[in-house]
Amino acid sequence: MAGNPAAIDNSDGRRTVMVRGTEIRPYNLTHGANIPLEGRYSRITGTLAATAGFSGHVRIFGDDILLGDFRYEANDYPLEISLGIVGVNTLRIVPGVGMFYNIELDRFD
């Protein structure tokens, strides 16, 4: 595969990758995202994994405050993350090489 695999659009969910023997269908966060939360959510959970043998990192900001900086290597097992986001109005996710997948946001109802 030519180019940066992290730059491939997967918004339709057709692309999968293998990470240490586990098939993963990455969520499309190849260029980052600004997610309006309006203070209605309590936690973000998800999984990080390097794609196509790359190492990388993902930074997560809540209202421009760094909440987490997660780094992983090409041969690492997928990394489960969980961050409190109570009171956050805008969540910003900035990926390096690699992808987030299976993102969940817990909403106050």
N, C-alpha and C. Protein backbone atom coordinates (compact mmCIF):
# COMPACT_ATOMS: atom_id res chain seq x y z
N MET A 1 0.85 -1.16 0.00
CA MET A 1 0.00 0.00 0.00
C MET A 1 0.90 1.23 0.00
N ALA A 2 0.69 2.11 -0.96
CA ALA A 2 1.53 3.31 -1.07
C ALA A 2 1.01 4.41 -0.17
N GLY A 3 1.90 5.31 0.22
CA GLY A 3 1.50 6.46 1.01
C GLY A 3 1.33 6.14 2.48
N ASN A 4 0.77 7.09 3.20
CA ASN A 4 0.56 6.96 4.64
C ASN A 4 -0.76 6.25 4.90
N PRO A 5 -0.76 5.03 5.44
CA PRO A 5 -2.01 4.31 5.65
C PRO A 5 -2.96 5.04 6.60
N ALA A 6 -2.43 5.89 7.47
CA ALA A 6 -3.29 6.61 8.41
C ALA A 6 -4.11 7.68 7.71
N ALA A 7 -3.75 8.03 6.46
CA ALA A 7 -4.47 9.08 5.74
C ALA A 7 -5.61 8.52 4.90
N ILE A 8 -5.86 7.23 4.96
CA ILE A 8 -6.93 6.61 4.18
C ILE A 8 -8.26 6.81 4.89
N ASP A 9 -9.25 7.26 4.13
CA ASP A 9 -10.59 7.48 4.68
C ASP A 9 -11.25 6.13 4.96
N ASN A 10 -11.80 5.98 6.15
CA ASN A 10 -12.51 4.75 6.50
C ASN A 10 -13.90 5.07 7.05
N SER A 11 -14.48 6.16 6.58
CA SER A 11 -15.78 6.57 7.10
C SER A 11 -16.88 5.56 6.77
N ASP A 12 -16.69 4.74 5.74
CA ASP A 12 -17.69 3.72 5.42
C ASP A 12 -17.43 2.41 6.17
N GLY A 13 -16.31 2.30 6.90
CA GLY A 13 -16.02 1.13 7.72
C GLY A 13 -15.58 -0.10 6.97
N ARG A 14 -15.24 0.02 5.68
CA ARG A 14 -14.87 -1.18 4.90
C ARG A 14 -13.44 -1.63 5.15
N ARG A 15 -12.55 -0.72 5.54
CA ARG A 15 -11.14 -1.06 5.72
C ARG A 15 -10.91 -1.67 7.10
N THR A 16 -10.16 -2.75 7.15
CA THR A 16 -9.76 -3.34 8.42
C THR A 16 -8.24 -3.48 8.44
N VAL A 17 -7.68 -3.55 9.63
CA VAL A 17 -6.24 -3.79 9.80
C VAL A 17 -6.08 -4.89 10.83
N MET A 18 -4.93 -5.55 10.79
CA MET A 18 -4.63 -6.58 11.77
C MET A 18 -3.62 -6.02 12.76
N VAL A 19 -3.91 -6.13 14.05
CA VAL A 19 -3.00 -5.71 15.10
C VAL A 19 -2.81 -6.89 16.03
N ARG A 20 -1.61 -7.46 16.00
CA ARG A 20 -1.25 -8.61 16.83
C ARG A 20 -2.32 -9.71 16.76
N GLY A 21 -2.73 -10.03 15.54
CA GLY A 21 -3.66 -11.12 15.32
C GLY A 21 -5.13 -10.78 15.51
N THR A 22 -5.45 -9.54 15.80
CA THR A 22 -6.84 -9.12 15.99
C THR A 22 -7.25 -8.20 14.85
N GLU A 23 -8.37 -8.53 14.19
CA GLU A 23 -8.87 -7.68 13.12
C GLU A 23 -9.57 -6.46 13.72
N ILE A 24 -9.20 -5.28 13.24
CA ILE A 24 -9.74 -4.03 13.74
C ILE A 24 -10.34 -3.25 12.59
N ARG A 25 -11.52 -2.69 12.81
CA ARG A 25 -12.15 -1.81 11.84
C ARG A 25 -12.03 -0.39 12.40
N PRO A 26 -11.00 0.37 11.98
CA PRO A 26 -10.73 1.66 12.60
C PRO A 26 -11.84 2.67 12.36
N TYR A 27 -12.08 3.47 13.36
CA TYR A 27 -12.94 4.63 13.24
C TYR A 27 -12.15 5.68 12.48
N ASN A 28 -12.80 6.47 11.66
CA ASN A 28 -12.10 7.41 10.81
C ASN A 28 -11.71 8.68 11.57
N LEU A 29 -10.52 8.72 12.11
CA LEU A 29 -9.99 9.93 12.74
C LEU A 29 -8.59 10.18 12.22
N THR A 30 -8.45 10.18 10.90
CA THR A 30 -7.13 10.29 10.30
C THR A 30 -6.58 11.70 10.34
N HIS A 31 -7.43 12.72 10.40
CA HIS A 31 -6.95 14.10 10.37
C HIS A 31 -7.33 14.85 11.63
N GLY A 32 -7.77 14.17 12.63
CA GLY A 32 -8.19 14.82 13.86
C GLY A 32 -9.66 15.18 13.81
N ALA A 33 -10.17 15.60 14.95
CA ALA A 33 -11.58 15.93 15.03
C ALA A 33 -11.82 16.92 16.15
N ASN A 34 -12.74 17.82 15.93
CA ASN A 34 -13.28 18.68 16.97
C ASN A 34 -14.71 18.23 17.19
N ILE A 35 -14.99 17.77 18.40
CA ILE A 35 -16.30 17.20 18.69
C ILE A 35 -17.01 18.09 19.71
N PRO A 36 -18.13 18.73 19.31
CA PRO A 36 -18.86 19.57 20.27
C PRO A 36 -19.59 18.71 21.29
N LEU A 37 -19.28 18.90 22.56
CA LEU A 37 -19.90 18.10 23.63
C LEU A 37 -20.89 18.89 24.47
N GLU A 38 -20.73 20.21 24.50
CA GLU A 38 -21.62 21.09 25.26
C GLU A 38 -21.75 20.68 26.73
N GLY A 39 -20.69 20.10 27.29
CA GLY A 39 -20.69 19.71 28.69
C GLY A 39 -21.63 18.57 29.03
N ARG A 40 -22.13 17.83 28.04
CA ARG A 40 -23.13 16.79 28.25
C ARG A 40 -22.56 15.38 28.40
N TYR A 41 -21.24 15.26 28.43
CA TYR A 41 -20.63 13.93 28.47
C TYR A 41 -19.68 13.81 29.66
N SER A 42 -19.51 12.59 30.14
CA SER A 42 -18.69 12.37 31.32
C SER A 42 -17.36 11.67 31.05
N ARG A 43 -17.28 10.87 29.98
CA ARG A 43 -16.08 10.06 29.76
C ARG A 43 -15.95 9.71 28.28
N ILE A 44 -14.70 9.68 27.82
CA ILE A 44 -14.39 9.13 26.50
C ILE A 44 -13.57 7.87 26.73
N THR A 45 -13.95 6.81 26.05
CA THR A 45 -13.18 5.56 26.09
C THR A 45 -12.90 5.15 24.65
N GLY A 46 -11.86 4.40 24.47
CA GLY A 46 -11.53 3.94 23.13
C GLY A 46 -10.27 3.10 23.16
N THR A 47 -9.81 2.78 21.98
CA THR A 47 -8.65 1.94 21.82
C THR A 47 -7.72 2.55 20.79
N LEU A 48 -6.43 2.52 21.06
CA LEU A 48 -5.42 3.01 20.13
C LEU A 48 -4.61 1.84 19.62
N ALA A 49 -4.23 1.92 18.35
CA ALA A 49 -3.35 0.91 17.80
C ALA A 49 -2.58 1.52 16.64
N ALA A 50 -1.34 1.11 16.46
CA ALA A 50 -0.56 1.55 15.31
C ALA A 50 -1.05 0.80 14.09
N THR A 51 -1.02 1.45 12.93
CA THR A 51 -1.42 0.79 11.69
C THR A 51 -0.20 0.52 10.83
N ALA A 52 -0.25 -0.56 10.12
CA ALA A 52 0.76 -0.92 9.12
C ALA A 52 2.19 -0.82 9.65
N GLY A 53 2.40 -1.19 10.91
CA GLY A 53 3.73 -1.24 11.47
C GLY A 53 4.31 0.08 11.92
N PHE A 54 3.51 1.14 11.96
CA PHE A 54 4.00 2.45 12.40
C PHE A 54 3.85 2.61 13.90
N SER A 55 4.67 3.47 14.46
CA SER A 55 4.49 3.91 15.84
C SER A 55 3.77 5.25 15.78
N GLY A 56 3.20 5.68 16.90
CA GLY A 56 2.50 6.95 16.85
C GLY A 56 2.02 7.43 18.19
N HIS A 57 1.17 8.42 18.15
CA HIS A 57 0.59 8.97 19.37
C HIS A 57 -0.73 9.64 19.03
N VAL A 58 -1.52 9.84 20.04
CA VAL A 58 -2.77 10.60 19.93
C VAL A 58 -2.84 11.52 21.14
N ARG A 59 -3.16 12.78 20.89
CA ARG A 59 -3.36 13.74 21.97
C ARG A 59 -4.84 14.09 22.02
N ILE A 60 -5.37 14.18 23.23
CA ILE A 60 -6.78 14.52 23.42
C ILE A 60 -6.85 15.77 24.29
N PHE A 61 -7.57 16.77 23.78
CA PHE A 61 -7.72 18.04 24.48
C PHE A 61 -9.19 18.27 24.82
N GLY A 62 -9.45 18.82 25.98
CA GLY A 62 -10.78 19.27 26.37
C GLY A 62 -10.72 20.76 26.58
N ASP A 63 -11.44 21.52 25.75
CA ASP A 63 -11.41 22.98 25.81
C ASP A 63 -9.97 23.50 25.82
N ASP A 64 -9.15 22.97 24.91
CA ASP A 64 -7.75 23.35 24.70
C ASP A 64 -6.82 23.02 25.86
N ILE A 65 -7.25 22.17 26.78
CA ILE A 65 -6.39 21.67 27.86
C ILE A 65 -6.05 20.22 27.54
N LEU A 66 -4.76 19.88 27.55
CA LEU A 66 -4.34 18.51 27.25
C LEU A 66 -4.85 17.56 28.33
N LEU A 67 -5.68 16.60 27.93
CA LEU A 67 -6.21 15.60 28.86
C LEU A 67 -5.41 14.32 28.83
N GLY A 68 -4.82 14.00 27.68
CA GLY A 68 -4.05 12.77 27.56
C GLY A 68 -3.17 12.78 26.33
N ASP A 69 -1.97 12.24 26.46
CA ASP A 69 -1.04 12.08 25.35
C ASP A 69 -0.62 10.62 25.37
N PHE A 70 -1.13 9.85 24.42
CA PHE A 70 -0.95 8.41 24.41
C PHE A 70 -0.01 8.02 23.28
N ARG A 71 1.04 7.29 23.63
CA ARG A 71 2.04 6.85 22.65
C ARG A 71 2.03 5.33 22.59
N TYR A 72 2.29 4.83 21.39
CA TYR A 72 2.30 3.38 21.20
C TYR A 72 3.27 3.04 20.09
N GLU A 73 3.80 1.83 20.16
CA GLU A 73 4.76 1.34 19.19
C GLU A 73 4.09 0.33 18.26
N ALA A 74 4.73 0.10 17.13
CA ALA A 74 4.16 -0.76 16.09
C ALA A 74 3.80 -2.15 16.59
N ASN A 75 4.56 -2.70 17.51
CA ASN A 75 4.31 -4.07 17.96
C ASN A 75 3.54 -4.14 19.28
N ASP A 76 3.07 -3.01 19.78
CA ASP A 76 2.31 -3.01 21.03
C ASP A 76 0.92 -3.61 20.81
N TYR A 77 0.38 -4.16 21.88
CA TYR A 77 -1.03 -4.55 21.85
C TYR A 77 -1.87 -3.27 21.82
N PRO A 78 -3.10 -3.33 21.32
CA PRO A 78 -3.96 -2.15 21.36
C PRO A 78 -4.05 -1.59 22.78
N LEU A 79 -4.05 -0.27 22.89
CA LEU A 79 -4.06 0.43 24.16
C LEU A 79 -5.45 0.96 24.47
N GLU A 80 -6.04 0.49 25.56
CA GLU A 80 -7.36 0.96 25.99
C GLU A 80 -7.18 2.27 26.76
N ILE A 81 -8.01 3.27 26.44
CA ILE A 81 -7.93 4.54 27.15
C ILE A 81 -9.29 4.90 27.73
N SER A 82 -9.26 5.69 28.79
CA SER A 82 -10.48 6.18 29.42
C SER A 82 -10.14 7.51 30.08
N LEU A 83 -10.86 8.56 29.70
CA LEU A 83 -10.60 9.90 30.24
C LEU A 83 -11.89 10.54 30.68
N GLY A 84 -11.87 11.16 31.84
CA GLY A 84 -13.00 11.95 32.30
C GLY A 84 -13.11 13.23 31.49
N ILE A 85 -14.31 13.58 31.05
CA ILE A 85 -14.51 14.78 30.24
C ILE A 85 -15.69 15.60 30.77
N VAL A 86 -15.98 15.51 32.06
CA VAL A 86 -17.09 16.25 32.66
C VAL A 86 -16.85 17.75 32.47
N GLY A 87 -17.85 18.45 31.97
CA GLY A 87 -17.78 19.90 31.79
C GLY A 87 -17.08 20.37 30.53
N VAL A 88 -16.59 19.45 29.70
CA VAL A 88 -15.88 19.82 28.48
C VAL A 88 -16.89 20.23 27.40
N ASN A 89 -16.66 21.39 26.81
CA ASN A 89 -17.54 21.86 25.74
C ASN A 89 -17.10 21.40 24.37
N THR A 90 -15.77 21.38 24.12
CA THR A 90 -15.25 20.92 22.83
C THR A 90 -14.10 19.95 23.06
N LEU A 91 -14.24 18.75 22.52
CA LEU A 91 -13.20 17.73 22.60
C LEU A 91 -12.43 17.78 21.29
N ARG A 92 -11.09 17.83 21.38
CA ARG A 92 -10.26 17.84 20.18
C ARG A 92 -9.33 16.64 20.24
N ILE A 93 -9.34 15.84 19.19
CA ILE A 93 -8.48 14.66 19.10
C ILE A 93 -7.49 14.91 17.97
N VAL A 94 -6.20 14.78 18.29
CA VAL A 94 -5.13 15.05 17.33
C VAL A 94 -4.30 13.78 17.19
N PRO A 95 -4.53 13.00 16.14
CA PRO A 95 -3.75 11.78 15.96
C PRO A 95 -2.42 12.04 15.28
N GLY A 96 -1.42 11.25 15.66
CA GLY A 96 -0.18 11.19 14.89
C GLY A 96 -0.41 10.08 13.87
N VAL A 97 0.62 9.31 13.55
CA VAL A 97 0.43 8.16 12.67
C VAL A 97 -0.28 7.08 13.46
N GLY A 98 -1.31 6.51 12.91
CA GLY A 98 -2.10 5.49 13.58
C GLY A 98 -3.54 5.91 13.64
N MET A 99 -4.36 5.15 14.30
CA MET A 99 -5.78 5.46 14.33
C MET A 99 -6.38 5.13 15.69
N PHE A 100 -7.41 5.86 16.01
CA PHE A 100 -8.30 5.51 17.10
C PHE A 100 -9.34 4.56 16.53
N TYR A 101 -9.88 3.70 17.31
CA TYR A 101 -11.04 2.95 16.86
C TYR A 101 -11.93 2.64 18.05
N ASN A 102 -13.19 2.38 17.77
CA ASN A 102 -14.17 2.04 18.79
C ASN A 102 -14.31 3.12 19.85
N ILE A 103 -14.44 4.36 19.43
CA ILE A 103 -14.63 5.47 20.38
C ILE A 103 -16.03 5.44 20.97
N GLU A 104 -16.12 5.64 22.25
CA GLU A 104 -17.41 5.76 22.94
C GLU A 104 -17.39 7.02 23.80
N LEU A 105 -18.49 7.75 23.81
CA LEU A 105 -18.66 8.90 24.69
C LEU A 105 -19.85 8.63 25.59
N ASP A 106 -19.65 8.72 26.90
CA ASP A 106 -20.74 8.51 27.86
C ASP A 106 -21.46 9.83 28.08
N ARG A 107 -22.75 9.86 27.78
CA ARG A 107 -23.53 11.08 27.86
C ARG A 107 -24.36 11.12 29.13
N PHE A 108 -24.45 12.34 29.71
CA PHE A 108 -25.38 12.55 30.83
C PHE A 108 -26.78 12.62 30.25
N ASP A 109 -27.71 11.88 30.80
CA ASP A 109 -29.11 11.97 30.34
C ASP A 109 -30.02 12.29 31.49
